[in-house]
Every structure is written in C-alpha cells, then in structure tokens.
Amino acid sequence: MKNTLRIIALMTIMYANSAFAASGAEGSGFGLAGWMFIGFLALIVTLQFVPALIMMGSMMAGIFGKARNH
C-alpha cells in the first residue's frame, strides 16, 4: 500500500511539473538563457568546422597536388 501511494504521489508531482512547463510555451521567445545556449552550440560547430576545412584543404592538396619523388 505504501509503494502504491508513493507511486501515485510521484506521478502527481511529475504531471504537475509538465503542466507548469507547458503553460509557459506561449511566451515571447527563447529568453537570454535560450539564446546563450544556441550561441554556445554555434560556437562549438564553428570551432569544429575550422579544423575540418584545414584538413579538407590539405587532403585536396595531397590528392591534386604535384607528386614528389622520394
């Protein structure tokens, strides 16, 4: 019986949290924290993109460049 009451109480709290989160969905945008998160993701993508371009450039130079005699 105690376990059943605990489960019901836990489910009630979880559903109430979902309702509070859904009620704010009609807000006016992301807010500062949302824009900071998106900016952080953009920073990560940019920092990964620069070395990828350098590696691609050296790979193309190796493929299409002049062959060296060893």
C-alpha atoms as a PDB file:
ATOM      1  CA  MET A   1       0.000   0.000   0.000  1.00  0.00           C
ATOM      2  CA  LYS A   2       2.872   2.368   0.843  1.00  0.00           C
ATOM      3  CA  ASN A   3       4.502   1.759  -2.535  1.00  0.00           C
ATOM      4  CA  THR A   4       1.248   2.483  -4.338  1.00  0.00           C
ATOM      5  CA  LEU A   5       0.838   5.788  -2.509  1.00  0.00           C
ATOM      6  CA  ARG A   6       4.448   6.720  -3.255  1.00  0.00           C
ATOM      7  CA  ILE A   7       3.989   5.985  -6.950  1.00  0.00           C
ATOM      8  CA  ILE A   8       0.756   7.982  -7.094  1.00  0.00           C
ATOM      9  CA  ALA A   9       2.392  10.932  -5.305  1.00  0.00           C
ATOM     10  CA  LEU A  10       5.398  10.808  -7.640  1.00  0.00           C
ATOM     11  CA  MET A  11       3.201  10.669 -10.740  1.00  0.00           C
ATOM     12  CA  THR A  12       1.117  13.601  -9.482  1.00  0.00           C
ATOM     13  CA  ILE A  13       4.226  15.725  -8.939  1.00  0.00           C
ATOM     14  CA  MET A  14       5.631  14.795 -12.353  1.00  0.00           C
ATOM     15  CA  TYR A  15       2.384  15.604 -14.153  1.00  0.00           C
ATOM     16  CA  ALA A  16       2.140  18.930 -12.321  1.00  0.00           C
ATOM     17  CA  ASN A  17       5.665  19.832 -13.472  1.00  0.00           C
ATOM     18  CA  SER A  18       4.716  19.014 -17.055  1.00  0.00           C
ATOM     19  CA  ALA A  19       1.668  21.250 -16.801  1.00  0.00           C
ATOM     20  CA  PHE A  20       3.729  24.156 -15.486  1.00  0.00           C
ATOM     21  CA  ALA A  21       6.269  23.702 -18.272  1.00  0.00           C
ATOM     22  CA  ALA A  22       3.565  23.594 -20.944  1.00  0.00           C
ATOM     23  CA  SER A  23       1.865  26.713 -19.638  1.00  0.00           C
ATOM     24  CA  GLY A  24       4.982  28.793 -20.415  1.00  0.00           C
ATOM     25  CA  ALA A  25       5.080  27.635 -24.043  1.00  0.00           C
ATOM     26  CA  GLU A  26       3.087  30.671 -25.143  1.00  0.00           C
ATOM     27  CA  GLY A  27       5.880  33.035 -24.060  1.00  0.00           C
ATOM     28  CA  SER A  28       7.613  35.623 -26.164  1.00  0.00           C
ATOM     29  CA  GLY A  29      10.616  33.634 -27.324  1.00  0.00           C
ATOM     30  CA  PHE A  30      13.703  31.921 -26.012  1.00  0.00           C
ATOM     31  CA  GLY A  31      14.905  34.437 -23.459  1.00  0.00           C
ATOM     32  CA  LEU A  32      18.512  35.073 -22.547  1.00  0.00           C
ATOM     33  CA  ALA A  33      19.319  31.511 -21.474  1.00  0.00           C
ATOM     34  CA  GLY A  34      17.944  30.080 -24.721  1.00  0.00           C
ATOM     35  CA  TRP A  35      19.973  32.466 -26.871  1.00  0.00           C
ATOM     36  CA  MET A  36      23.094  31.739 -24.831  1.00  0.00           C
ATOM     37  CA  PHE A  37      22.561  28.016 -25.380  1.00  0.00           C
ATOM     38  CA  ILE A  38      22.090  28.478 -29.129  1.00  0.00           C
ATOM     39  CA  GLY A  39      25.198  30.700 -29.227  1.00  0.00           C
ATOM     40  CA  PHE A  40      27.200  28.057 -27.370  1.00  0.00           C
ATOM     41  CA  LEU A  41      26.110  25.403 -29.870  1.00  0.00           C
ATOM     42  CA  ALA A  42      27.044  27.715 -32.751  1.00  0.00           C
ATOM     43  CA  LEU A  43      30.465  28.253 -31.168  1.00  0.00           C
ATOM     44  CA  ILE A  44      31.036  24.502 -30.917  1.00  0.00           C
ATOM     45  CA  VAL A  45      30.013  23.969 -34.555  1.00  0.00           C
ATOM     46  CA  THR A  46      32.288  26.815 -35.697  1.00  0.00           C
ATOM     47  CA  LEU A  47      35.261  25.547 -33.724  1.00  0.00           C
ATOM     48  CA  GLN A  48      34.809  22.097 -35.245  1.00  0.00           C
ATOM     49  CA  PHE A  49      34.315  23.488 -38.755  1.00  0.00           C
ATOM     50  CA  VAL A  50      37.625  25.400 -38.971  1.00  0.00           C
ATOM     51  CA  PRO A  51      39.915  22.350 -38.451  1.00  0.00           C
ATOM     52  CA  ALA A  52      37.721  20.342 -40.804  1.00  0.00           C
ATOM     53  CA  LEU A  53      38.263  22.936 -43.548  1.00  0.00           C
ATOM     54  CA  ILE A  54      42.015  22.924 -42.949  1.00  0.00           C
ATOM     55  CA  MET A  55      42.107  19.125 -43.112  1.00  0.00           C
ATOM     56  CA  MET A  56      39.996  19.085 -46.278  1.00  0.00           C
ATOM     57  CA  GLY A  57      42.299  21.669 -47.894  1.00  0.00           C
ATOM     58  CA  SER A  58      45.421  19.638 -47.134  1.00  0.00           C
ATOM     59  CA  MET A  59      43.721  16.471 -48.335  1.00  0.00           C
ATOM     60  CA  MET A  60      42.800  18.116 -51.645  1.00  0.00           C
ATOM     61  CA  ALA A  61      46.339  19.459 -51.980  1.00  0.00           C
ATOM     62  CA  GLY A  62      47.663  15.946 -51.418  1.00  0.00           C
ATOM     63  CA  ILE A  63      45.306  14.411 -53.967  1.00  0.00           C
ATOM     64  CA  PHE A  64      45.524  17.032 -56.720  1.00  0.00           C
ATOM     65  CA  GLY A  65      48.997  18.460 -55.989  1.00  0.00           C
ATOM     66  CA  LYS A  66      52.256  17.581 -57.662  1.00  0.00           C
ATOM     67  CA  ALA A  67      53.709  14.171 -56.878  1.00  0.00           C
ATOM     68  CA  ARG A  68      57.017  14.218 -55.021  1.00  0.00           C
ATOM     69  CA  ASN A  69      59.847  11.892 -55.904  1.00  0.00           C
ATOM     70  CA  HIS A  70      61.184  10.120 -52.841  1.00  0.00           C
END
